[in-house]
């Protein structure tokens, strides 16, 4: 993990995110703390990761999401050489969907 990322301010931000208990609370918090474009950019990366996991092509992903090939490549690199967090989150989302 990136040591520069580990700061008291980032810890406080993550604690705040982890305190949110509903999708509506997430919408409210993120609308207050980030711009619409920042939120859309983060959600786009997650959508790109899901499509990469489904073995979609860069061209298909770019057309569907509007993401640049640089963004798709960055997400792909994170999925292949990162901390495994995309897979962890997708597994958890799937587990939550299975409970419904």
PDB file of N, CA and C in Angstrom:
ATOM      1  N   UNK A   1       0.833  -1.186   0.000  1.00  0.00           N
ATOM      2  CA  UNK A   1       0.000   0.000   0.000  1.00  0.00           C
ATOM      3  C   UNK A   1       0.872   1.243   0.000  1.00  0.00           C
ATOM      4  N   UNK A   2       0.351   2.277  -0.572  1.00  0.00           N
ATOM      5  CA  UNK A   2       1.057   3.542  -0.695  1.00  0.00           C
ATOM      6  C   UNK A   2       1.184   4.211   0.670  1.00  0.00           C
ATOM      7  N   UNK A   3       2.423   4.361   1.141  1.00  0.00           N
ATOM      8  CA  UNK A   3       2.664   4.951   2.463  1.00  0.00           C
ATOM      9  C   UNK A   3       2.255   6.421   2.515  1.00  0.00           C
ATOM     10  N   UNK A   4       2.316   7.122   1.393  1.00  0.00           N
ATOM     11  CA  UNK A   4       1.913   8.531   1.349  1.00  0.00           C
ATOM     12  C   UNK A   4       0.415   8.694   1.603  1.00  0.00           C
ATOM     13  N   UNK A   5      -0.334   7.667   1.328  1.00  0.00           N
ATOM     14  CA  UNK A   5      -1.780   7.697   1.506  1.00  0.00           C
ATOM     15  C   UNK A   5      -2.174   7.604   2.973  1.00  0.00           C
ATOM     16  N   UNK A   6      -1.335   6.983   3.771  1.00  0.00           N
ATOM     17  CA  UNK A   6      -1.647   6.745   5.187  1.00  0.00           C
ATOM     18  C   UNK A   6      -1.372   7.999   6.013  1.00  0.00           C
ATOM     19  N   UNK A   7      -2.409   8.823   6.126  1.00  0.00           N
ATOM     20  CA  UNK A   7      -2.314  10.042   6.929  1.00  0.00           C
ATOM     21  C   UNK A   7      -3.502  10.084   7.884  1.00  0.00           C
ATOM     22  N   UNK A   8      -3.414  10.934   8.868  1.00  0.00           N
ATOM     23  CA  UNK A   8      -4.517  11.087   9.815  1.00  0.00           C
ATOM     24  C   UNK A   8      -5.774  11.584   9.095  1.00  0.00           C
ATOM     25  N   UNK A   9      -5.593  12.487   8.138  1.00  0.00           N
ATOM     26  CA  UNK A   9      -6.734  13.023   7.394  1.00  0.00           C
ATOM     27  C   UNK A   9      -7.431  11.932   6.585  1.00  0.00           C
ATOM     28  N   UNK A  10      -6.651  11.065   5.954  1.00  0.00           N
ATOM     29  CA  UNK A  10      -7.234   9.969   5.169  1.00  0.00           C
ATOM     30  C   UNK A  10      -7.912   8.976   6.106  1.00  0.00           C
ATOM     31  N   UNK A  11      -7.294   8.704   7.256  1.00  0.00           N
ATOM     32  CA  UNK A  11      -7.937   7.831   8.243  1.00  0.00           C
ATOM     33  C   UNK A  11      -9.302   8.389   8.648  1.00  0.00           C
ATOM     34  N   UNK A  12      -9.369   9.681   8.893  1.00  0.00           N
ATOM     35  CA  UNK A  12     -10.632  10.319   9.280  1.00  0.00           C
ATOM     36  C   UNK A  12     -11.657  10.212   8.155  1.00  0.00           C
ATOM     37  N   UNK A  13     -11.204  10.430   6.925  1.00  0.00           N
ATOM     38  CA  UNK A  13     -12.109  10.306   5.779  1.00  0.00           C
ATOM     39  C   UNK A  13     -12.660   8.883   5.679  1.00  0.00           C
ATOM     40  N   UNK A  14     -11.786   7.882   5.781  1.00  0.00           N
ATOM     41  CA  UNK A  14     -12.235   6.490   5.690  1.00  0.00           C
ATOM     42  C   UNK A  14     -13.160   6.131   6.854  1.00  0.00           C
ATOM     43  N   UNK A  15     -12.866   6.635   8.043  1.00  0.00           N
ATOM     44  CA  UNK A  15     -13.751   6.405   9.186  1.00  0.00           C
ATOM     45  C   UNK A  15     -15.133   6.995   8.903  1.00  0.00           C
ATOM     46  N   UNK A  16     -15.149   8.170   8.294  1.00  0.00           N
ATOM     47  CA  UNK A  16     -16.426   8.805   7.951  1.00  0.00           C
ATOM     48  C   UNK A  16     -17.199   7.948   6.950  1.00  0.00           C
ATOM     49  N   UNK A  17     -16.510   7.452   5.932  1.00  0.00           N
ATOM     50  CA  UNK A  17     -17.169   6.607   4.925  1.00  0.00           C
ATOM     51  C   UNK A  17     -17.706   5.335   5.570  1.00  0.00           C
ATOM     52  N   UNK A  18     -16.906   4.725   6.438  1.00  0.00           N
ATOM     53  CA  UNK A  18     -17.340   3.486   7.074  1.00  0.00           C
ATOM     54  C   UNK A  18     -18.498   3.707   8.052  1.00  0.00           C
ATOM     55  N   UNK A  19     -18.714   4.943   8.471  1.00  0.00           N
ATOM     56  CA  UNK A  19     -19.824   5.230   9.386  1.00  0.00           C
ATOM     57  C   UNK A  19     -21.163   5.336   8.667  1.00  0.00           C
ATOM     58  N   UNK A  20     -21.134   5.459   7.350  1.00  0.00           N
ATOM     59  CA  UNK A  20     -22.376   5.594   6.581  1.00  0.00           C
ATOM     60  C   UNK A  20     -23.124   4.264   6.586  1.00  0.00           C
ATOM     61  N   UNK A  21     -24.446   4.334   6.783  1.00  0.00           N
ATOM     62  CA  UNK A  21     -25.182   3.083   6.955  1.00  0.00           C
ATOM     63  C   UNK A  21     -26.247   2.824   5.894  1.00  0.00           C
ATOM     64  N   UNK A  22     -26.362   3.716   4.922  1.00  0.00           N
ATOM     65  CA  UNK A  22     -27.354   3.474   3.865  1.00  0.00           C
ATOM     66  C   UNK A  22     -26.878   4.137   2.575  1.00  0.00           C
ATOM     67  N   UNK A  23     -27.472   3.734   1.480  1.00  0.00           N
ATOM     68  CA  UNK A  23     -27.156   4.339   0.191  1.00  0.00           C
ATOM     69  C   UNK A  23     -27.519   5.823   0.200  1.00  0.00           C
ATOM     70  N   UNK A  24     -28.637   6.168   0.831  1.00  0.00           N
ATOM     71  CA  UNK A  24     -29.034   7.582   0.898  1.00  0.00           C
ATOM     72  C   UNK A  24     -28.022   8.405   1.674  1.00  0.00           C
ATOM     73  N   UNK A  25     -27.497   7.857   2.787  1.00  0.00           N
ATOM     74  CA  UNK A  25     -26.447   8.557   3.524  1.00  0.00           C
ATOM     75  C   UNK A  25     -25.209   8.734   2.651  1.00  0.00           C
ATOM     76  N   UNK A  26     -24.879   7.728   1.843  1.00  0.00           N
ATOM     77  CA  UNK A  26     -23.742   7.837   0.926  1.00  0.00           C
ATOM     78  C   UNK A  26     -23.968   8.949  -0.088  1.00  0.00           C
ATOM     79  N   UNK A  27     -25.159   8.984  -0.679  1.00  0.00           N
ATOM     80  CA  UNK A  27     -25.465  10.050  -1.632  1.00  0.00           C
ATOM     81  C   UNK A  27     -25.293  11.413  -0.976  1.00  0.00           C
ATOM     82  N   UNK A  28     -25.855  11.597   0.206  1.00  0.00           N
ATOM     83  CA  UNK A  28     -25.776  12.888   0.901  1.00  0.00           C
ATOM     84  C   UNK A  28     -24.334  13.273   1.207  1.00  0.00           C
ATOM     85  N   UNK A  29     -23.593  12.346   1.788  1.00  0.00           N
ATOM     86  CA  UNK A  29     -22.214  12.628   2.175  1.00  0.00           C
ATOM     87  C   UNK A  29     -21.357  12.950   0.957  1.00  0.00           C
ATOM     88  N   UNK A  30     -21.417  12.087  -0.057  1.00  0.00           N
ATOM     89  CA  UNK A  30     -20.548  12.293  -1.210  1.00  0.00           C
ATOM     90  C   UNK A  30     -20.948  13.521  -2.025  1.00  0.00           C
ATOM     91  N   UNK A  31     -22.228  13.861  -2.056  1.00  0.00           N
ATOM     92  CA  UNK A  31     -22.624  15.104  -2.733  1.00  0.00           C
ATOM     93  C   UNK A  31     -22.061  16.317  -2.009  1.00  0.00           C
ATOM     94  N   UNK A  32     -21.920  16.217  -0.684  1.00  0.00           N
ATOM     95  CA  UNK A  32     -21.355  17.328   0.083  1.00  0.00           C
ATOM     96  C   UNK A  32     -19.835  17.398  -0.018  1.00  0.00           C
ATOM     97  N   UNK A  33     -19.171  16.252  -0.098  1.00  0.00           N
ATOM     98  CA  UNK A  33     -17.711  16.238  -0.003  1.00  0.00           C
ATOM     99  C   UNK A  33     -17.010  16.224  -1.361  1.00  0.00           C
ATOM    100  N   UNK A  34     -17.707  15.832  -2.406  1.00  0.00           N
ATOM    101  CA  UNK A  34     -17.070  15.696  -3.723  1.00  0.00           C
ATOM    102  C   UNK A  34     -17.952  16.340  -4.796  1.00  0.00           C
ATOM    103  N   UNK A  35     -17.323  16.625  -5.921  1.00  0.00           N
ATOM    104  CA  UNK A  35     -18.094  17.134  -7.055  1.00  0.00           C
ATOM    105  C   UNK A  35     -18.800  15.963  -7.733  1.00  0.00           C
ATOM    106  N   UNK A  36     -19.803  16.286  -8.515  1.00  0.00           N
ATOM    107  CA  UNK A  36     -20.514  15.258  -9.281  1.00  0.00           C
ATOM    108  C   UNK A  36     -19.532  14.520 -10.176  1.00  0.00           C
ATOM    109  N   UNK A  37     -18.631  15.255 -10.827  1.00  0.00           N
ATOM    110  CA  UNK A  37     -17.665  14.616 -11.725  1.00  0.00           C
ATOM    111  C   UNK A  37     -16.723  13.679 -10.982  1.00  0.00           C
ATOM    112  N   UNK A  38     -16.322  14.022  -9.758  1.00  0.00           N
ATOM    113  CA  UNK A  38     -15.460  13.134  -8.974  1.00  0.00           C
ATOM    114  C   UNK A  38     -16.187  11.841  -8.624  1.00  0.00           C
ATOM    115  N   UNK A  39     -17.435  11.948  -8.229  1.00  0.00           N
ATOM    116  CA  UNK A  39     -18.229  10.759  -7.905  1.00  0.00           C
ATOM    117  C   UNK A  39     -18.423   9.897  -9.141  1.00  0.00           C
ATOM    118  N   UNK A  40     -18.764  10.533 -10.259  1.00  0.00           N
ATOM    119  CA  UNK A  40     -18.971   9.789 -11.507  1.00  0.00           C
ATOM    120  C   UNK A  40     -17.679   9.118 -11.960  1.00  0.00           C
ATOM    121  N   UNK A  41     -16.547   9.773 -11.769  1.00  0.00           N
ATOM    122  CA  UNK A  41     -15.257   9.197 -12.148  1.00  0.00           C
ATOM    123  C   UNK A  41     -14.946   7.941 -11.337  1.00  0.00           C
ATOM    124  N   UNK A  42     -15.175   8.003 -10.033  1.00  0.00           N
ATOM    125  CA  UNK A  42     -14.943   6.828  -9.188  1.00  0.00           C
ATOM    126  C   UNK A  42     -15.884   5.686  -9.555  1.00  0.00           C
ATOM    127  N   UNK A  43     -17.154   6.014  -9.777  1.00  0.00           N
ATOM    128  CA  UNK A  43     -18.109   4.957 -10.120  1.00  0.00           C
ATOM    129  C   UNK A  43     -17.805   4.381 -11.499  1.00  0.00           C
ATOM    130  N   UNK A  44     -17.284   5.215 -12.401  1.00  0.00           N
ATOM    131  CA  UNK A  44     -16.895   4.739 -13.727  1.00  0.00           C
ATOM    132  C   UNK A  44     -15.771   3.708 -13.610  1.00  0.00           C
ATOM    133  N   UNK A  45     -14.812   3.949 -12.726  1.00  0.00           N
ATOM    134  CA  UNK A  45     -13.711   2.997 -12.547  1.00  0.00           C
ATOM    135  C   UNK A  45     -14.215   1.657 -12.041  1.00  0.00           C
ATOM    136  N   UNK A  46     -15.186   1.680 -11.158  1.00  0.00           N
ATOM    137  CA  UNK A  46     -15.749   0.432 -10.663  1.00  0.00           C
ATOM    138  C   UNK A  46     -16.490  -0.300 -11.789  1.00  0.00           C
ATOM    139  N   UNK A  47     -17.206   0.453 -12.605  1.00  0.00           N
ATOM    140  CA  UNK A  47     -17.906  -0.149 -13.748  1.00  0.00           C
ATOM    141  C   UNK A  47     -16.903  -0.743 -14.735  1.00  0.00           C
ATOM    142  N   UNK A  48     -15.815  -0.037 -14.984  1.00  0.00           N
ATOM    143  CA  UNK A  48     -14.752  -0.546 -15.865  1.00  0.00           C
ATOM    144  C   UNK A  48     -14.196  -1.848 -15.290  1.00  0.00           C
ATOM    145  N   UNK A  49     -13.928  -1.874 -13.998  1.00  0.00           N
ATOM    146  CA  UNK A  49     -13.384  -3.077 -13.361  1.00  0.00           C
ATOM    147  C   UNK A  49     -14.339  -4.247 -13.518  1.00  0.00           C
ATOM    148  N   UNK A  50     -15.624  -4.002 -13.343  1.00  0.00           N
ATOM    149  CA  UNK A  50     -16.610  -5.078 -13.493  1.00  0.00           C
ATOM    150  C   UNK A  50     -16.593  -5.630 -14.914  1.00  0.00           C
ATOM    151  N   UNK A  51     -16.498  -4.733 -15.883  1.00  0.00           N
ATOM    152  CA  UNK A  51     -16.484  -5.171 -17.276  1.00  0.00           C
ATOM    153  C   UNK A  51     -15.183  -5.908 -17.612  1.00  0.00           C
ATOM    154  N   UNK A  52     -14.066  -5.463 -17.053  1.00  0.00           N
ATOM    155  CA  UNK A  52     -12.805  -6.183 -17.256  1.00  0.00           C
ATOM    156  C   UNK A  52     -12.892  -7.578 -16.652  1.00  0.00           C
ATOM    157  N   UNK A  53     -13.494  -7.671 -15.476  1.00  0.00           N
ATOM    158  CA  UNK A  53     -13.677  -8.967 -14.814  1.00  0.00           C
ATOM    159  C   UNK A  53     -14.530  -9.900 -15.679  1.00  0.00           C
ATOM    160  N   UNK A  54     -15.465  -9.313 -16.437  1.00  0.00           N
ATOM    161  CA  UNK A  54     -16.319 -10.085 -17.339  1.00  0.00           C
ATOM    162  C   UNK A  54     -15.664 -10.315 -18.699  1.00  0.00           C
ATOM    163  N   UNK A  55     -14.361  -9.979 -18.798  1.00  0.00           N
ATOM    164  CA  UNK A  55     -13.555 -10.206 -20.009  1.00  0.00           C
ATOM    165  C   UNK A  55     -14.051  -9.418 -21.219  1.00  0.00           C
ATOM    166  N   UNK A  56     -14.547  -8.215 -20.972  1.00  0.00           N
ATOM    167  CA  UNK A  56     -14.965  -7.350 -22.081  1.00  0.00           C
ATOM    168  C   UNK A  56     -13.730  -6.667 -22.673  1.00  0.00           C
ATOM    169  N   UNK A  57     -13.796  -6.288 -23.930  1.00  0.00           N
ATOM    170  CA  UNK A  57     -12.669  -5.644 -24.599  1.00  0.00           C
ATOM    171  C   UNK A  57     -12.598  -4.168 -24.215  1.00  0.00           C
ATOM    172  N   UNK A  58     -11.397  -3.601 -24.373  1.00  0.00           N
ATOM    173  CA  UNK A  58     -11.210  -2.177 -24.086  1.00  0.00           C
ATOM    174  C   UNK A  58     -12.167  -1.327 -24.930  1.00  0.00           C
ATOM    175  N   UNK A  59     -12.317  -1.687 -26.171  1.00  0.00           N
ATOM    176  CA  UNK A  59     -13.192  -0.913 -27.065  1.00  0.00           C
ATOM    177  C   UNK A  59     -14.627  -0.966 -26.576  1.00  0.00           C
ATOM    178  N   UNK A  60     -15.096  -2.130 -26.207  1.00  0.00           N
ATOM    179  CA  UNK A  60     -16.450  -2.303 -25.691  1.00  0.00           C
ATOM    180  C   UNK A  60     -16.633  -1.498 -24.400  1.00  0.00           C
ATOM    181  N   UNK A  61     -15.642  -1.572 -23.522  1.00  0.00           N
ATOM    182  CA  UNK A  61     -15.713  -0.858 -22.244  1.00  0.00           C
ATOM    183  C   UNK A  61     -15.737   0.648 -22.484  1.00  0.00           C
ATOM    184  N   UNK A  62     -14.870   1.118 -23.376  1.00  0.00           N
ATOM    185  CA  UNK A  62     -14.818   2.551 -23.679  1.00  0.00           C
ATOM    186  C   UNK A  62     -16.147   3.047 -24.241  1.00  0.00           C
ATOM    187  N   UNK A  63     -16.751   2.268 -25.137  1.00  0.00           N
ATOM    188  CA  UNK A  63     -18.042   2.658 -25.714  1.00  0.00           C
ATOM    189  C   UNK A  63     -19.142   2.706 -24.658  1.00  0.00           C
ATOM    190  N   UNK A  64     -19.174   1.691 -23.790  1.00  0.00           N
ATOM    191  CA  UNK A  64     -20.247   1.591 -22.792  1.00  0.00           C
ATOM    192  C   UNK A  64     -20.093   2.607 -21.671  1.00  0.00           C
ATOM    193  N   UNK A  65     -18.854   2.845 -21.224  1.00  0.00           N
ATOM    194  CA  UNK A  65     -18.643   3.682 -20.038  1.00  0.00           C
ATOM    195  C   UNK A  65     -18.191   5.098 -20.350  1.00  0.00           C
ATOM    196  N   UNK A  66     -17.638   5.302 -21.536  1.00  0.00           N
ATOM    197  CA  UNK A  66     -17.060   6.601 -21.854  1.00  0.00           C
ATOM    198  C   UNK A  66     -15.665   6.776 -21.277  1.00  0.00           C
ATOM    199  N   UNK A  67     -15.128   5.743 -20.644  1.00  0.00           N
ATOM    200  CA  UNK A  67     -13.779   5.812 -20.058  1.00  0.00           C
ATOM    201  C   UNK A  67     -12.733   5.812 -21.163  1.00  0.00           C
ATOM    202  N   UNK A  68     -11.650   6.533 -20.924  1.00  0.00           N
ATOM    203  CA  UNK A  68     -10.550   6.529 -21.872  1.00  0.00           C
ATOM    204  C   UNK A  68      -9.800   5.204 -21.762  1.00  0.00           C
ATOM    205  N   UNK A  69      -9.041   4.875 -22.801  1.00  0.00           N
ATOM    206  CA  UNK A  69      -8.255   3.650 -22.739  1.00  0.00           C
ATOM    207  C   UNK A  69      -7.186   3.765 -21.648  1.00  0.00           C
ATOM    208  N   UNK A  70      -6.732   4.984 -21.350  1.00  0.00           N
ATOM    209  CA  UNK A  70      -5.769   5.170 -20.253  1.00  0.00           C
ATOM    210  C   UNK A  70      -6.400   4.792 -18.916  1.00  0.00           C
ATOM    211  N   UNK A  71      -7.649   5.207 -18.697  1.00  0.00           N
ATOM    212  CA  UNK A  71      -8.348   4.857 -17.457  1.00  0.00           C
ATOM    213  C   UNK A  71      -8.579   3.355 -17.390  1.00  0.00           C
ATOM    214  N   UNK A  72      -8.994   2.767 -18.492  1.00  0.00           N
ATOM    215  CA  UNK A  72      -9.230   1.320 -18.532  1.00  0.00           C
ATOM    216  C   UNK A  72      -7.937   0.576 -18.227  1.00  0.00           C
ATOM    217  N   UNK A  73      -6.835   1.028 -18.810  1.00  0.00           N
ATOM    218  CA  UNK A  73      -5.538   0.412 -18.573  1.00  0.00           C
ATOM    219  C   UNK A  73      -5.128   0.559 -17.110  1.00  0.00           C
ATOM    220  N   UNK A  74      -5.363   1.715 -16.513  1.00  0.00           N
ATOM    221  CA  UNK A  74      -5.021   1.959 -15.108  1.00  0.00           C
ATOM    222  C   UNK A  74      -5.806   1.020 -14.197  1.00  0.00           C
ATOM    223  N   UNK A  75      -7.102   0.875 -14.481  1.00  0.00           N
ATOM    224  CA  UNK A  75      -7.938  -0.030 -13.686  1.00  0.00           C
ATOM    225  C   UNK A  75      -7.475  -1.471 -13.874  1.00  0.00           C
ATOM    226  N   UNK A  76      -7.172  -1.837 -15.108  1.00  0.00           N
ATOM    227  CA  UNK A  76      -6.702  -3.193 -15.388  1.00  0.00           C
ATOM    228  C   UNK A  76      -5.404  -3.488 -14.634  1.00  0.00           C
ATOM    229  N   UNK A  77      -4.496  -2.519 -14.609  1.00  0.00           N
ATOM    230  CA  UNK A  77      -3.238  -2.682 -13.887  1.00  0.00           C
ATOM    231  C   UNK A  77      -3.502  -2.866 -12.387  1.00  0.00           C
ATOM    232  N   UNK A  78      -4.426  -2.091 -11.850  1.00  0.00           N
ATOM    233  CA  UNK A  78      -4.779  -2.224 -10.431  1.00  0.00           C
ATOM    234  C   UNK A  78      -5.379  -3.589 -10.141  1.00  0.00           C
ATOM    235  N   UNK A  79      -6.202  -4.066 -11.063  1.00  0.00           N
ATOM    236  CA  UNK A  79      -6.820  -5.375 -10.862  1.00  0.00           C
ATOM    237  C   UNK A  79      -5.784  -6.491 -10.909  1.00  0.00           C
ATOM    238  N   UNK A  80      -4.783  -6.333 -11.757  1.00  0.00           N
ATOM    239  CA  UNK A  80      -3.779  -7.385 -11.919  1.00  0.00           C
ATOM    240  C   UNK A  80      -2.631  -7.306 -10.922  1.00  0.00           C
ATOM    241  N   UNK A  81      -2.264  -6.099 -10.509  1.00  0.00           N
ATOM    242  CA  UNK A  81      -1.071  -5.932  -9.681  1.00  0.00           C
ATOM    243  C   UNK A  81      -1.326  -5.139  -8.400  1.00  0.00           C
ATOM    244  N   UNK A  82      -2.582  -4.845  -8.114  1.00  0.00           N
ATOM    245  CA  UNK A  82      -2.918  -4.045  -6.944  1.00  0.00           C
ATOM    246  C   UNK A  82      -3.103  -4.891  -5.700  1.00  0.00           C
ATOM    247  N   UNK A  83      -3.947  -4.412  -4.828  1.00  0.00           N
ATOM    248  CA  UNK A  83      -4.160  -5.035  -3.521  1.00  0.00           C
ATOM    249  C   UNK A  83      -5.301  -6.046  -3.490  1.00  0.00           C
ATOM    250  N   UNK A  84      -5.933  -6.298  -4.639  1.00  0.00           N
ATOM    251  CA  UNK A  84      -7.035  -7.255  -4.691  1.00  0.00           C
ATOM    252  C   UNK A  84      -8.361  -6.699  -4.204  1.00  0.00           C
ATOM    253  N   UNK A  85      -8.435  -5.383  -4.064  1.00  0.00           N
ATOM    254  CA  UNK A  85      -9.637  -4.787  -3.489  1.00  0.00           C
ATOM    255  C   UNK A  85     -10.843  -4.827  -4.423  1.00  0.00           C
ATOM    256  N   UNK A  86     -10.608  -4.763  -5.735  1.00  0.00           N
ATOM    257  CA  UNK A  86     -11.747  -4.864  -6.645  1.00  0.00           C
ATOM    258  C   UNK A  86     -12.438  -6.215  -6.472  1.00  0.00           C
ATOM    259  N   UNK A  87     -11.670  -7.306  -6.475  1.00  0.00           N
ATOM    260  CA  UNK A  87     -12.253  -8.633  -6.296  1.00  0.00           C
ATOM    261  C   UNK A  87     -12.941  -8.755  -4.939  1.00  0.00           C
ATOM    262  N   UNK A  88     -12.320  -8.199  -3.903  1.00  0.00           N
ATOM    263  CA  UNK A  88     -12.910  -8.245  -2.561  1.00  0.00           C
ATOM    264  C   UNK A  88     -14.286  -7.564  -2.556  1.00  0.00           C
ATOM    265  N   UNK A  89     -14.341  -6.384  -3.157  1.00  0.00           N
ATOM    266  CA  UNK A  89     -15.603  -5.636  -3.182  1.00  0.00           C
ATOM    267  C   UNK A  89     -16.643  -6.360  -4.027  1.00  0.00           C
ATOM    268  N   UNK A  90     -16.240  -6.868  -5.182  1.00  0.00           N
ATOM    269  CA  UNK A  90     -17.198  -7.587  -6.027  1.00  0.00           C
ATOM    270  C   UNK A  90     -17.726  -8.832  -5.319  1.00  0.00           C
ATOM    271  N   UNK A  91     -16.867  -9.539  -4.604  1.00  0.00           N
ATOM    272  CA  UNK A  91     -17.316 -10.710  -3.837  1.00  0.00           C
ATOM    273  C   UNK A  91     -18.321 -10.299  -2.763  1.00  0.00           C
ATOM    274  N   UNK A  92     -18.057  -9.195  -2.098  1.00  0.00           N
ATOM    275  CA  UNK A  92     -18.964  -8.735  -1.046  1.00  0.00           C
ATOM    276  C   UNK A  92     -20.296  -8.253  -1.612  1.00  0.00           C
ATOM    277  N   UNK A  93     -20.247  -7.554  -2.727  1.00  0.00           N
ATOM    278  CA  UNK A  93     -21.495  -7.102  -3.358  1.00  0.00           C
ATOM    279  C   UNK A  93     -22.318  -8.310  -3.776  1.00  0.00           C
ATOM    280  N   UNK A  94     -21.655  -9.295  -4.373  1.00  0.00           N
ATOM    281  CA  UNK A  94     -22.353 -10.502  -4.809  1.00  0.00           C
ATOM    282  C   UNK A  94     -22.957 -11.229  -3.616  1.00  0.00           C
ATOM    283  N   UNK A  95     -22.213 -11.293  -2.502  1.00  0.00           N
ATOM    284  CA  UNK A  95     -22.718 -11.953  -1.293  1.00  0.00           C
ATOM    285  C   UNK A  95     -23.957 -11.238  -0.757  1.00  0.00           C
ATOM    286  N   UNK A  96     -23.940  -9.916  -0.784  1.00  0.00           N
ATOM    287  CA  UNK A  96     -25.091  -9.140  -0.334  1.00  0.00           C
ATOM    288  C   UNK A  96     -26.293  -9.377  -1.249  1.00  0.00           C
ATOM    289  N   UNK A  97     -26.053  -9.437  -2.579  1.00  0.00           N
ATOM    290  CA  UNK A  97     -27.136  -9.708  -3.527  1.00  0.00           C
ATOM    291  C   UNK A  97     -27.726 -11.085  -3.316  1.00  0.00           C
ATOM    292  N   UNK A  98     -26.877 -12.060  -2.963  1.00  0.00           N
ATOM    293  CA  UNK A  98     -27.344 -13.420  -2.723  1.00  0.00           C
ATOM    294  C   UNK A  98     -28.267 -13.501  -1.515  1.00  0.00           C
ATOM    295  N   UNK A  99     -28.076 -12.596  -0.542  1.00  0.00           N
ATOM    296  CA  UNK A  99     -28.896 -12.593   0.663  1.00  0.00           C
ATOM    297  C   UNK A  99     -30.301 -12.061   0.423  1.00  0.00           C
ATOM    298  N   UNK A 100     -30.441 -11.286  -0.661  1.00  0.00           N
ATOM    299  CA  UNK A 100     -31.759 -10.669  -0.931  1.00  0.00           C
ATOM    300  C   UNK A 100     -32.760 -11.637  -1.474  1.00  0.00           C
TER     301      UNK A 100
END
